[in-house]
C-alpha atoms as a PDB file:
ATOM      1  CA  MET A   1      -3.900  20.375  17.497  1.00  0.00           C
ATOM      2  CA  ALA A   2      -3.829  19.886  13.708  1.00  0.00           C
ATOM      3  CA  SER A   3      -0.699  21.809  13.446  1.00  0.00           C
ATOM      4  CA  LYS A   4       0.999  19.392  15.900  1.00  0.00           C
ATOM      5  CA  PHE A   5       0.025  16.521  13.597  1.00  0.00           C
ATOM      6  CA  LEU A   6       1.213  18.383  10.561  1.00  0.00           C
ATOM      7  CA  ALA A   7       4.555  19.009  12.261  1.00  0.00           C
ATOM      8  CA  ILE A   8       4.834  15.343  12.947  1.00  0.00           C
ATOM      9  CA  CYS A   9       3.977  14.498   9.381  1.00  0.00           C
ATOM     10  CA  VAL A  10       6.430  16.981   7.906  1.00  0.00           C
ATOM     11  CA  LYS A  11       9.161  15.736  10.283  1.00  0.00           C
ATOM     12  CA  LYS A  12       8.521  12.167   9.084  1.00  0.00           C
ATOM     13  CA  ILE A  13       8.487  13.122   5.476  1.00  0.00           C
ATOM     14  CA  ILE A  14      11.736  15.068   5.701  1.00  0.00           C
ATOM     15  CA  ASN A  15      13.375  12.121   7.521  1.00  0.00           C
ATOM     16  CA  ASP A  16      12.182   9.441   5.148  1.00  0.00           C
ATOM     17  CA  LYS A  17      11.898  11.452   1.939  1.00  0.00           C
ATOM     18  CA  THR A  18       8.823   9.440   1.235  1.00  0.00           C
ATOM     19  CA  GLU A  19       6.798  10.868  -1.779  1.00  0.00           C
ATOM     20  CA  VAL A  20       3.883   8.664  -1.058  1.00  0.00           C
ATOM     21  CA  VAL A  21       3.445  10.041   2.417  1.00  0.00           C
ATOM     22  CA  ILE A  22       3.588  13.534   1.078  1.00  0.00           C
ATOM     23  CA  MET A  23       0.627  12.808  -1.258  1.00  0.00           C
ATOM     24  CA  LEU A  24      -1.341  11.162   1.509  1.00  0.00           C
ATOM     25  CA  THR A  25      -0.677  13.691   4.388  1.00  0.00           C
ATOM     26  CA  ALA A  26      -3.139  16.248   3.073  1.00  0.00           C
ATOM     27  CA  ASN A  27      -6.030  13.777   3.398  1.00  0.00           C
ATOM     28  CA  ALA A  28      -4.801  12.291   6.601  1.00  0.00           C
ATOM     29  CA  ILE A  29      -4.631  15.540   8.547  1.00  0.00           C
ATOM     30  CA  ALA A  30      -8.389  15.876   9.017  1.00  0.00           C
ATOM     31  CA  ASP A  31      -8.968  12.146   9.566  1.00  0.00           C
ATOM     32  CA  VAL A  32      -6.486  11.126  12.292  1.00  0.00           C
ATOM     33  CA  PRO A  33      -7.111  12.560  15.707  1.00  0.00           C
ATOM     34  CA  VAL A  34      -4.119  14.151  17.242  1.00  0.00           C
ATOM     35  CA  GLU A  35      -4.857  12.787  20.665  1.00  0.00           C
ATOM     36  CA  ASN A  36      -4.248   9.311  19.399  1.00  0.00           C
ATOM     37  CA  ILE A  37      -0.716   9.904  18.043  1.00  0.00           C
ATOM     38  CA  ASP A  38       1.154   8.694  21.241  1.00  0.00           C
ATOM     39  CA  ASP A  39      -0.763   5.440  21.751  1.00  0.00           C
ATOM     40  CA  ASP A  40      -1.070   4.718  18.060  1.00  0.00           C
ATOM     41  CA  THR A  41       1.081   1.591  17.768  1.00  0.00           C
ATOM     42  CA  PHE A  42       0.620  -2.197  17.653  1.00  0.00           C
ATOM     43  CA  ASN A  43       1.179  -4.134  20.822  1.00  0.00           C
ATOM     44  CA  THR A  44       2.885  -7.529  20.661  1.00  0.00           C
ATOM     45  CA  ARG A  45      -0.315  -9.428  20.578  1.00  0.00           C
ATOM     46  CA  GLU A  46      -1.808  -7.321  17.752  1.00  0.00           C
ATOM     47  CA  LYS A  47       1.537  -7.798  15.740  1.00  0.00           C
ATOM     48  CA  GLU A  48       1.231 -11.494  16.047  1.00  0.00           C
ATOM     49  CA  ILE A  49      -2.420 -11.520  15.033  1.00  0.00           C
ATOM     50  CA  PHE A  50      -1.575  -9.272  11.974  1.00  0.00           C
ATOM     51  CA  ALA A  51       1.345 -11.475  11.097  1.00  0.00           C
ATOM     52  CA  LYS A  52      -0.880 -14.601  10.995  1.00  0.00           C
ATOM     53  CA  ALA A  53      -3.686 -12.844   9.078  1.00  0.00           C
ATOM     54  CA  CYS A  54      -1.409 -11.062   6.649  1.00  0.00           C
ATOM     55  CA  PRO A  55       1.743 -13.153   6.280  1.00  0.00           C
ATOM     56  CA  THR A  56       2.825 -11.420   3.154  1.00  0.00           C
ATOM     57  CA  ILE A  57       2.853  -7.965   4.659  1.00  0.00           C
ATOM     58  CA  ASN A  58       5.902  -6.633   6.500  1.00  0.00           C
ATOM     59  CA  LEU A  59       4.282  -4.733   9.392  1.00  0.00           C
ATOM     60  CA  ASP A  60       7.595  -2.920  10.199  1.00  0.00           C
ATOM     61  CA  THR A  61       7.779  -1.576   6.734  1.00  0.00           C
ATOM     62  CA  ALA A  62       4.259  -0.587   6.655  1.00  0.00           C
ATOM     63  CA  MET A  63       4.519   1.287   9.937  1.00  0.00           C
ATOM     64  CA  GLN A  64       7.579   3.109   8.573  1.00  0.00           C
ATOM     65  CA  TYR A  65       5.812   4.305   5.558  1.00  0.00           C
ATOM     66  CA  CYS A  66       2.758   5.217   7.550  1.00  0.00           C
ATOM     67  CA  MET A  67       4.428   7.515   9.959  1.00  0.00           C
ATOM     68  CA  ASP A  68       4.471   4.846  12.671  1.00  0.00           C
ATOM     69  CA  SER A  69       0.692   5.307  13.035  1.00  0.00           C
ATOM     70  CA  LYS A  70      -1.487   2.258  13.458  1.00  0.00           C
ATOM     71  CA  ASN A  71      -4.572   4.317  12.656  1.00  0.00           C
ATOM     72  CA  PHE A  72      -2.993   5.754   9.508  1.00  0.00           C
ATOM     73  CA  LEU A  73      -1.897   2.265   8.379  1.00  0.00           C
ATOM     74  CA  ILE A  74      -5.454   1.003   8.904  1.00  0.00           C
ATOM     75  CA  GLN A  75      -6.803   3.814   6.714  1.00  0.00           C
ATOM     76  CA  MET A  76      -4.345   2.858   4.104  1.00  0.00           C
ATOM     77  CA  LEU A  77      -5.306  -0.850   4.201  1.00  0.00           C
ATOM     78  CA  GLU A  78      -8.947   0.070   3.943  1.00  0.00           C
ATOM     79  CA  THR A  79      -8.233   2.303   1.008  1.00  0.00           C
ATOM     80  CA  PHE A  80      -5.964  -0.584  -0.629  1.00  0.00           C
ATOM     81  CA  CYS A  81      -8.802  -3.038  -0.292  1.00  0.00           C
ATOM     82  CA  GLU A  82     -11.588  -0.700  -1.586  1.00  0.00           C
ATOM     83  CA  ASP A  83      -9.674   0.511  -4.514  1.00  0.00           C
ATOM     84  CA  GLU A  84     -10.679  -1.040  -7.723  1.00  0.00           C
ATOM     85  CA  LYS A  85      -7.286  -0.644  -9.396  1.00  0.00           C
ATOM     86  CA  SER A  86      -7.273  -4.369 -10.300  1.00  0.00           C
ATOM     87  CA  LYS A  87     -10.080  -3.829 -12.777  1.00  0.00           C
ATOM     88  CA  LYS A  88      -8.178  -0.966 -14.460  1.00  0.00           C
ATOM     89  CA  ILE A  89      -5.036  -3.009 -14.581  1.00  0.00           C
ATOM     90  CA  GLN A  90      -6.871  -5.960 -16.115  1.00  0.00           C
ATOM     91  CA  THR A  91      -8.555  -3.797 -18.599  1.00  0.00           C
ATOM     92  CA  ALA A  92      -5.203  -2.218 -19.682  1.00  0.00           C
ATOM     93  CA  PHE A  93      -3.656  -5.635 -19.812  1.00  0.00           C
ATOM     94  CA  ASP A  94      -6.715  -7.092 -21.938  1.00  0.00           C
ATOM     95  CA  SER A  95      -6.564  -4.270 -24.370  1.00  0.00           C
ATOM     96  CA  ARG A  96      -2.722  -4.340 -24.501  1.00  0.00           C
ATOM     97  CA  ASP A  97      -2.554  -0.790 -23.609  1.00  0.00           C
ATOM     98  CA  ILE A  98       1.098  -0.846 -22.376  1.00  0.00           C
ATOM     99  CA  LYS A  99       1.352   2.794 -21.492  1.00  0.00           C
ATOM    100  CA  ASN A 100      -1.615   2.795 -19.075  1.00  0.00           C
ATOM    101  CA  TYR A 101      -0.540  -0.645 -17.811  1.00  0.00           C
ATOM    102  CA  GLN A 102       2.778   0.863 -16.953  1.00  0.00           C
ATOM    103  CA  ILE A 103       1.130   3.770 -15.131  1.00  0.00           C
ATOM    104  CA  LEU A 104      -1.372   1.516 -13.209  1.00  0.00           C
ATOM    105  CA  VAL A 105       1.192  -1.088 -12.132  1.00  0.00           C
ATOM    106  CA  HIS A 106       3.503   1.893 -10.993  1.00  0.00           C
ATOM    107  CA  GLY A 107       0.686   2.987  -8.767  1.00  0.00           C
ATOM    108  CA  LEU A 108       0.320  -0.529  -7.408  1.00  0.00           C
ATOM    109  CA  LYS A 109       4.075  -0.780  -6.739  1.00  0.00           C
ATOM    110  CA  SER A 110       3.887   2.395  -4.649  1.00  0.00           C
ATOM    111  CA  THR A 111       0.788   1.587  -2.682  1.00  0.00           C
ATOM    112  CA  SER A 112       1.867  -1.949  -2.073  1.00  0.00           C
ATOM    113  CA  LEU A 113       5.136  -0.775  -0.656  1.00  0.00           C
ATOM    114  CA  LEU A 114       3.352   1.744   1.461  1.00  0.00           C
ATOM    115  CA  ILE A 115       1.357  -1.003   3.244  1.00  0.00           C
ATOM    116  CA  GLY A 116       4.314  -3.280   3.501  1.00  0.00           C
ATOM    117  CA  ALA A 117       3.421  -5.772   0.737  1.00  0.00           C
ATOM    118  CA  GLU A 118       7.059  -5.851  -0.437  1.00  0.00           C
ATOM    119  CA  ASN A 119       6.802  -8.878  -2.691  1.00  0.00           C
ATOM    120  CA  LEU A 120       3.810  -7.405  -4.472  1.00  0.00           C
ATOM    121  CA  SER A 121       5.579  -4.203  -4.879  1.00  0.00           C
ATOM    122  CA  GLU A 122       8.644  -5.862  -6.421  1.00  0.00           C
ATOM    123  CA  GLU A 123       6.277  -7.894  -8.787  1.00  0.00           C
ATOM    124  CA  ALA A 124       4.617  -4.619  -9.861  1.00  0.00           C
ATOM    125  CA  LYS A 125       8.025  -2.875 -10.350  1.00  0.00           C
ATOM    126  CA  SER A 126       9.184  -5.764 -12.585  1.00  0.00           C
ATOM    127  CA  LEU A 127       6.069  -5.432 -14.697  1.00  0.00           C
ATOM    128  CA  GLU A 128       6.207  -1.665 -14.797  1.00  0.00           C
ATOM    129  CA  LEU A 129       9.812  -1.975 -16.091  1.00  0.00           C
ATOM    130  CA  ALA A 130       8.724  -4.571 -18.582  1.00  0.00           C
ATOM    131  CA  ALA A 131       6.046  -2.131 -19.821  1.00  0.00           C
ATOM    132  CA  LYS A 132       8.480   0.640 -20.015  1.00  0.00           C
ATOM    133  CA  ALA A 133      10.804  -1.622 -22.165  1.00  0.00           C
ATOM    134  CA  ASN A 134       7.609  -2.684 -24.282  1.00  0.00           C
ATOM    135  CA  ASP A 135       8.505  -6.296 -23.154  1.00  0.00           C
ATOM    136  CA  LEU A 136       5.107  -7.920 -23.865  1.00  0.00           C
ATOM    137  CA  ASP A 137       6.267 -11.426 -23.209  1.00  0.00           C
ATOM    138  CA  LYS A 138       7.441 -10.586 -19.750  1.00  0.00           C
ATOM    139  CA  ILE A 139       4.090  -8.826 -19.082  1.00  0.00           C
ATOM    140  CA  LEU A 140       2.098 -11.879 -20.338  1.00  0.00           C
ATOM    141  CA  ASN A 141       4.139 -14.183 -18.296  1.00  0.00           C
ATOM    142  CA  GLY A 142       3.947 -12.241 -15.073  1.00  0.00           C
ATOM    143  CA  HIS A 143       0.500 -10.616 -15.123  1.00  0.00           C
ATOM    144  CA  GLY A 144      -1.499 -13.447 -13.913  1.00  0.00           C
ATOM    145  CA  ASN A 145       0.806 -14.030 -10.933  1.00  0.00           C
ATOM    146  CA  LEU A 146       0.692 -10.302 -10.027  1.00  0.00           C
ATOM    147  CA  MET A 147      -3.180 -10.264 -10.201  1.00  0.00           C
ATOM    148  CA  ALA A 148      -3.474 -13.492  -8.126  1.00  0.00           C
ATOM    149  CA  ASN A 149      -1.059 -12.166  -5.323  1.00  0.00           C
ATOM    150  CA  TYR A 150      -2.889  -8.685  -5.472  1.00  0.00           C
ATOM    151  CA  ALA A 151      -6.249 -10.406  -4.899  1.00  0.00           C
ATOM    152  CA  GLU A 152      -4.801 -12.729  -2.164  1.00  0.00           C
ATOM    153  CA  ILE A 153      -3.377  -9.722  -0.253  1.00  0.00           C
ATOM    154  CA  ARG A 154      -6.710  -7.828  -0.443  1.00  0.00           C
ATOM    155  CA  THR A 155      -8.513 -10.865   0.890  1.00  0.00           C
ATOM    156  CA  GLN A 156      -6.023 -11.270   3.760  1.00  0.00           C
ATOM    157  CA  ILE A 157      -6.354  -7.561   4.682  1.00  0.00           C
ATOM    158  CA  SER A 158     -10.069  -7.509   4.401  1.00  0.00           C
ATOM    159  CA  LYS A 159     -10.290 -10.519   6.802  1.00  0.00           C
ATOM    160  CA  TRP A 160      -7.963  -8.922   9.277  1.00  0.00           C
ATOM    161  CA  LEU A 161      -9.866  -5.551   9.120  1.00  0.00           C
ATOM    162  CA  GLU A 162     -13.218  -7.334   9.791  1.00  0.00           C
ATOM    163  CA  GLY A 163     -11.609  -8.737  12.936  1.00  0.00           C
ATOM    164  CA  THR A 164     -10.647  -5.304  14.042  1.00  0.00           C
ATOM    165  CA  SER A 165     -14.059  -3.887  13.896  1.00  0.00           C
END
């Protein structure tokens, strides 16, 4: 059964060339039951509820990056909310550790896109490039907005996840 799931993951990775999925696949194999693969999508009502609860997340994008698996997406959303990356980003910002800031916002860019938070991903990308260029002014001007949006998205997701329990 696990080999069937692995084959689906590998096929999806090859089709999308998604590096993030490759990194997460090893952890997901043991956690997602194979028998739920075929009925592992959002119905119309669930999509509407999700869109109202998480208006800044593109569910179609999220599903694409999460192998069209509702269960896998939920796992990624839970991880996104549990992760304390915001504290690390803030610490790097406060200490003006531009190199670590660049690495951390790069990670936020990737995980945000993975869950369909496209605008947050673009904000993080902009600050990643600013850090790479050592453009402290751009970082200073954009950091607060990035962190506020990151917190808001985590709040939206957490509320939605509470409603699915």
